[in-house]
Protein backbone atom coordinates (compact mmCIF):
# COMPACT_ATOMS: atom_id res chain seq x y z
CA MET A 1 36.82 97.27 102.44
CA THR A 2 37.57 100.48 103.21
CA LYS A 3 39.12 101.79 105.42
CA ILE A 4 37.50 104.91 107.08
CA ARG A 5 39.65 107.65 107.36
CA LEU A 6 39.48 110.23 110.36
CA ARG A 7 40.64 113.54 110.59
CA PRO A 8 43.92 113.92 113.22
CA GLN A 9 41.53 116.03 115.76
CA LEU A 10 38.44 113.95 115.44
CA ARG A 11 40.57 110.75 115.96
CA THR A 12 41.90 112.24 119.06
CA GLN A 13 38.49 113.41 120.34
CA VAL A 14 36.94 109.79 119.18
CA LYS A 15 40.08 108.15 121.61
CA GLN A 16 40.10 110.19 124.81
CA ARG A 17 35.62 109.97 124.78
CA ASN A 18 34.82 106.36 123.03
CA PHE A 19 30.81 106.27 125.18
CA LEU A 20 29.40 105.43 122.02
CA GLN A 21 31.11 100.98 122.99
CA TYR A 22 28.32 101.99 125.98
CA VAL A 23 25.59 101.58 123.69
CA ASN A 24 23.79 99.02 123.25
CA THR A 25 23.21 99.02 119.35
CA ILE A 26 21.75 95.32 119.04
CA SER A 27 18.92 97.18 121.47
CA SER A 28 14.90 96.69 118.92
CA ASP A 29 13.89 99.72 121.30
CA ALA A 30 13.37 102.77 120.22
CA LEU A 31 15.94 104.41 122.72
CA ASN A 32 19.01 101.58 121.73
CA GLY A 33 18.69 101.29 125.29
CA PHE A 34 20.20 103.95 126.76
CA PRO A 35 17.18 104.28 129.56
CA CYS A 36 18.92 100.24 131.25
CA TRP A 37 22.60 101.65 130.32
CA CYS A 38 21.82 104.72 132.46
CA ASP A 39 19.54 103.04 135.01
CA GLU A 40 22.27 102.84 137.92
CA ALA A 41 23.75 106.24 137.85
CA ALA A 42 20.43 107.73 138.14
CA THR A 43 19.35 105.81 140.77
CA VAL A 44 22.37 106.51 142.11
CA TYR A 45 21.75 110.45 141.66
CA MET A 46 18.70 110.70 142.74
CA ASN A 47 18.80 109.12 145.83
CA GLN A 48 21.56 111.07 147.22
CA PRO A 49 20.82 113.76 150.42
CA GLU A 50 21.28 116.63 148.45
CA VAL A 51 19.28 115.26 145.64
CA ARG A 52 16.63 114.60 147.71
CA LYS A 53 16.11 117.33 149.73
CA ALA A 54 16.66 120.13 146.16
CA LEU A 55 13.29 118.63 145.42
CA HIS A 56 11.99 118.75 148.20
CA ILE A 57 11.47 114.58 149.05
CA PRO A 58 10.84 113.93 152.36
CA ASP A 59 12.81 111.28 154.54
CA SER A 60 9.62 109.36 154.64
CA VAL A 61 9.29 108.28 151.39
CA GLY A 62 11.21 106.14 150.00
CA THR A 63 14.57 105.45 147.30
CA TRP A 64 14.46 106.25 144.20
CA LEU A 65 13.48 103.11 141.85
CA THR A 66 14.35 102.91 138.36
CA PHE A 67 12.03 100.07 137.75
CA ASN A 68 9.10 99.16 140.00
CA PRO A 69 7.92 95.58 139.61
CA THR A 70 4.71 96.45 141.29
CA LEU A 71 4.15 99.04 139.00
CA ASN A 72 5.02 97.79 136.18
CA THR A 73 3.03 94.51 136.96
CA PHE A 74 -0.28 96.54 137.58
CA TYR A 75 -0.60 99.65 135.21
CA TYR A 76 2.06 98.94 132.37
CA ASN A 77 0.51 97.43 129.68
CA ARG A 78 2.25 96.56 126.47
CA SER A 79 0.80 96.73 123.41
CA TYR A 80 2.25 95.64 120.04
CA PHE A 81 1.76 96.45 116.47
CA GLU A 82 0.38 93.95 114.30
CA LEU A 83 2.42 94.70 110.80
CA ASP A 84 0.46 91.65 108.77
CA GLY A 85 -1.18 93.88 106.61
CA GLU A 86 1.70 96.65 106.23
CA LEU A 87 4.89 93.01 105.52
CA LYS A 88 1.89 91.99 102.90
CA PHE A 89 1.51 95.27 101.26
CA ILE A 90 5.59 95.64 101.27
CA LEU A 91 6.30 92.38 99.51
CA SER A 92 3.09 92.73 97.25
CA ASN A 93 4.66 95.67 95.32
CA TYR A 94 8.73 95.22 95.81
CA ILE A 95 9.50 95.09 92.01
CA TYR A 96 12.48 92.25 91.44
CA LYS A 97 15.18 93.68 88.99
């Protein structure tokens, strides 16, 4: 197995800012799990009084939620792509060597 050698300045930067260890690389979504990774930070930020005031959000409006189960249940309809035809095409045109 080949070991990757980093330039000294790059090695230092990686040690200081290793935020990539928190990215969900196993996720199958297009954003690699990023929305779930940062939802707590967004919730804390959006619920700060200064932010709500800057965005002209009245006190009568509830707190910010990154996920609203009611909206998800009634308004979000997930659709899935059918890939059977594409997979059959790819497999039938593959040349084994």
